Amino acid sequence: MHDLLLDVRGLETQFKTPDGIVHAVNAVSFGLKEGETLDMTGESGCGRNAAMLSVLGLIPDSPGKVTVGKALF
């Protein structure tokens, strides 16, 4: 999809916690063309922030990790 400014494919992010692994982002995919916007809605704790931090490469190495997928700008 060469006309996309942002192409996110199959993004998955998890965090290690004292209670085990938390799968915060599960197989998120979307694309944005020039002039488009994206609105992510959902309940508190549903993974919106984790998804956007994953896209931007800002998930802290420990305890978080992007395990699958990629974001192409």
N, C-alpha and C. Protein backbone atom coordinates (compact mmCIF):
# COMPACT_ATOMS: atom_id res chain seq x y z
N MET A 1 0.85 -1.18 0.00
CA MET A 1 0.00 0.00 0.00
C MET A 1 0.89 1.24 0.00
N HIS A 2 1.42 1.59 -1.13
CA HIS A 2 2.39 2.67 -1.25
C HIS A 2 1.81 4.05 -1.00
N ASP A 3 0.50 4.22 -1.01
CA ASP A 3 -0.09 5.54 -0.79
C ASP A 3 -0.37 5.83 0.69
N LEU A 4 0.01 4.93 1.58
CA LEU A 4 -0.21 5.13 3.01
C LEU A 4 0.97 5.89 3.62
N LEU A 5 0.65 6.86 4.47
CA LEU A 5 1.69 7.54 5.24
C LEU A 5 2.07 6.72 6.47
N LEU A 6 1.10 6.04 7.03
CA LEU A 6 1.33 5.17 8.18
C LEU A 6 0.64 3.84 7.92
N ASP A 7 1.40 2.77 7.99
CA ASP A 7 0.88 1.43 7.75
C ASP A 7 1.26 0.56 8.94
N VAL A 8 0.28 0.21 9.76
CA VAL A 8 0.50 -0.62 10.96
C VAL A 8 -0.05 -2.00 10.67
N ARG A 9 0.79 -3.01 10.87
CA ARG A 9 0.40 -4.39 10.52
C ARG A 9 0.62 -5.34 11.68
N GLY A 10 -0.47 -5.92 12.18
CA GLY A 10 -0.42 -7.00 13.16
C GLY A 10 0.34 -6.70 14.43
N LEU A 11 0.22 -5.50 14.93
CA LEU A 11 0.98 -5.07 16.10
C LEU A 11 0.49 -5.76 17.37
N GLU A 12 1.43 -6.32 18.13
CA GLU A 12 1.13 -6.95 19.41
C GLU A 12 2.16 -6.51 20.43
N THR A 13 1.68 -6.11 21.60
CA THR A 13 2.55 -5.64 22.68
C THR A 13 2.13 -6.31 23.98
N GLN A 14 3.14 -6.68 24.77
CA GLN A 14 2.84 -7.28 26.07
C GLN A 14 3.73 -6.67 27.14
N PHE A 15 3.26 -6.80 28.38
CA PHE A 15 3.98 -6.29 29.53
C PHE A 15 4.13 -7.40 30.56
N LYS A 16 5.31 -7.49 31.17
CA LYS A 16 5.51 -8.43 32.27
C LYS A 16 5.10 -7.73 33.56
N THR A 17 4.25 -8.40 34.34
CA THR A 17 3.81 -7.88 35.63
C THR A 17 4.05 -8.95 36.68
N PRO A 18 3.96 -8.59 37.95
CA PRO A 18 4.10 -9.59 39.00
C PRO A 18 3.06 -10.72 38.90
N ASP A 19 1.92 -10.42 38.28
CA ASP A 19 0.86 -11.41 38.13
C ASP A 19 0.96 -12.20 36.82
N GLY A 20 1.96 -11.92 36.00
CA GLY A 20 2.13 -12.62 34.73
C GLY A 20 2.16 -11.66 33.55
N ILE A 21 2.04 -12.20 32.36
CA ILE A 21 2.09 -11.43 31.12
C ILE A 21 0.72 -10.81 30.84
N VAL A 22 0.72 -9.51 30.52
CA VAL A 22 -0.49 -8.81 30.10
C VAL A 22 -0.37 -8.51 28.61
N HIS A 23 -1.31 -8.98 27.82
CA HIS A 23 -1.34 -8.73 26.38
C HIS A 23 -2.14 -7.45 26.15
N ALA A 24 -1.42 -6.33 26.04
CA ALA A 24 -2.06 -5.02 25.98
C ALA A 24 -2.55 -4.66 24.59
N VAL A 25 -1.85 -5.11 23.56
CA VAL A 25 -2.21 -4.81 22.17
C VAL A 25 -2.20 -6.14 21.42
N ASN A 26 -3.31 -6.45 20.78
CA ASN A 26 -3.46 -7.75 20.12
C ASN A 26 -3.84 -7.60 18.65
N ALA A 27 -2.88 -7.81 17.76
CA ALA A 27 -3.11 -7.85 16.31
C ALA A 27 -3.80 -6.59 15.78
N VAL A 28 -3.26 -5.43 16.13
CA VAL A 28 -3.81 -4.17 15.65
C VAL A 28 -3.24 -3.86 14.27
N SER A 29 -4.11 -3.56 13.32
CA SER A 29 -3.70 -3.19 11.97
C SER A 29 -4.56 -2.02 11.50
N PHE A 30 -3.92 -1.05 10.87
CA PHE A 30 -4.65 0.06 10.24
C PHE A 30 -3.69 0.81 9.34
N GLY A 31 -4.24 1.61 8.46
CA GLY A 31 -3.45 2.45 7.57
C GLY A 31 -4.06 3.83 7.49
N LEU A 32 -3.19 4.82 7.36
CA LEU A 32 -3.65 6.21 7.23
C LEU A 32 -3.02 6.84 6.00
N LYS A 33 -3.86 7.47 5.20
CA LYS A 33 -3.39 8.22 4.04
C LYS A 33 -3.26 9.69 4.41
N GLU A 34 -2.62 10.46 3.55
CA GLU A 34 -2.46 11.89 3.78
C GLU A 34 -3.83 12.55 4.01
N GLY A 35 -3.93 13.35 5.07
CA GLY A 35 -5.15 14.06 5.40
C GLY A 35 -6.14 13.28 6.25
N GLU A 36 -5.91 12.00 6.47
CA GLU A 36 -6.81 11.20 7.28
C GLU A 36 -6.43 11.29 8.75
N THR A 37 -7.41 11.04 9.60
CA THR A 37 -7.18 10.97 11.04
C THR A 37 -7.75 9.65 11.55
N LEU A 38 -7.30 9.27 12.74
CA LEU A 38 -7.76 8.03 13.35
C LEU A 38 -8.24 8.35 14.75
N ASP A 39 -9.40 7.85 15.11
CA ASP A 39 -9.94 8.00 16.45
C ASP A 39 -10.03 6.63 17.09
N MET A 40 -9.35 6.47 18.20
CA MET A 40 -9.42 5.20 18.94
C MET A 40 -10.22 5.44 20.20
N THR A 41 -11.31 4.70 20.34
CA THR A 41 -12.16 4.84 21.51
C THR A 41 -12.26 3.51 22.24
N GLY A 42 -12.57 3.59 23.50
CA GLY A 42 -12.74 2.39 24.29
C GLY A 42 -12.64 2.70 25.77
N GLU A 43 -12.91 1.69 26.55
CA GLU A 43 -12.89 1.84 28.00
C GLU A 43 -11.47 2.05 28.51
N SER A 44 -11.38 2.55 29.73
CA SER A 44 -10.10 2.71 30.39
C SER A 44 -9.40 1.36 30.48
N GLY A 45 -8.11 1.34 30.11
CA GLY A 45 -7.34 0.10 30.19
C GLY A 45 -7.48 -0.81 28.98
N CYS A 46 -8.11 -0.35 27.90
CA CYS A 46 -8.33 -1.23 26.75
C CYS A 46 -7.13 -1.30 25.81
N GLY A 47 -6.09 -0.46 26.01
CA GLY A 47 -4.89 -0.55 25.20
C GLY A 47 -4.66 0.56 24.19
N ARG A 48 -5.47 1.60 24.23
CA ARG A 48 -5.28 2.71 23.27
C ARG A 48 -3.89 3.33 23.39
N ASN A 49 -3.51 3.70 24.60
CA ASN A 49 -2.20 4.33 24.80
C ASN A 49 -1.07 3.37 24.46
N ALA A 50 -1.19 2.14 24.87
CA ALA A 50 -0.15 1.15 24.57
C ALA A 50 -0.01 0.96 23.06
N ALA A 51 -1.12 0.98 22.34
CA ALA A 51 -1.07 0.84 20.88
C ALA A 51 -0.32 2.01 20.25
N MET A 52 -0.63 3.22 20.65
CA MET A 52 0.03 4.39 20.06
C MET A 52 1.49 4.48 20.47
N LEU A 53 1.81 4.14 21.72
CA LEU A 53 3.22 4.12 22.14
C LEU A 53 3.99 3.05 21.38
N SER A 54 3.35 1.95 21.07
CA SER A 54 3.98 0.89 20.28
C SER A 54 4.28 1.37 18.86
N VAL A 55 3.32 2.05 18.25
CA VAL A 55 3.51 2.59 16.90
C VAL A 55 4.68 3.56 16.88
N LEU A 56 4.80 4.37 17.91
CA LEU A 56 5.86 5.38 17.98
C LEU A 56 7.20 4.84 18.47
N GLY A 57 7.24 3.58 18.87
CA GLY A 57 8.47 2.98 19.37
C GLY A 57 8.84 3.46 20.76
N LEU A 58 7.85 3.83 21.56
CA LEU A 58 8.09 4.39 22.88
C LEU A 58 7.73 3.46 24.04
N ILE A 59 7.51 2.19 23.75
CA ILE A 59 7.25 1.23 24.83
C ILE A 59 8.57 0.99 25.57
N PRO A 60 8.59 1.18 26.89
CA PRO A 60 9.83 0.94 27.63
C PRO A 60 10.25 -0.53 27.55
N ASP A 61 11.54 -0.76 27.28
CA ASP A 61 12.07 -2.12 27.11
C ASP A 61 11.68 -3.06 28.25
N SER A 62 11.70 -2.57 29.42
CA SER A 62 11.26 -3.39 30.54
C SER A 62 10.27 -2.57 31.34
N PRO A 63 9.08 -2.98 31.50
CA PRO A 63 8.55 -4.33 31.38
C PRO A 63 7.85 -4.61 30.06
N GLY A 64 7.81 -3.67 29.12
CA GLY A 64 7.04 -3.86 27.90
C GLY A 64 7.86 -4.34 26.73
N LYS A 65 7.16 -4.88 25.72
CA LYS A 65 7.84 -5.34 24.52
C LYS A 65 6.83 -5.48 23.38
N VAL A 66 7.18 -4.92 22.22
CA VAL A 66 6.40 -5.18 21.01
C VAL A 66 6.88 -6.53 20.51
N THR A 67 5.98 -7.50 20.49
CA THR A 67 6.38 -8.88 20.18
C THR A 67 6.18 -9.26 18.72
N VAL A 68 5.21 -8.64 18.06
CA VAL A 68 4.90 -8.99 16.67
C VAL A 68 4.42 -7.74 15.95
N GLY A 69 4.63 -7.69 14.67
CA GLY A 69 4.08 -6.62 13.84
C GLY A 69 5.08 -5.52 13.58
N LYS A 70 4.61 -4.54 12.81
CA LYS A 70 5.46 -3.40 12.48
C LYS A 70 4.62 -2.19 12.12
N ALA A 71 5.26 -1.04 12.25
CA ALA A 71 4.65 0.22 11.86
C ALA A 71 5.58 0.91 10.88
N LEU A 72 5.10 1.15 9.68
CA LEU A 72 5.91 1.78 8.63
C LEU A 72 5.42 3.19 8.39
N PHE A 73 6.34 4.16 8.47
CA PHE A 73 5.99 5.55 8.22
C PHE A 73 6.41 5.93 6.81
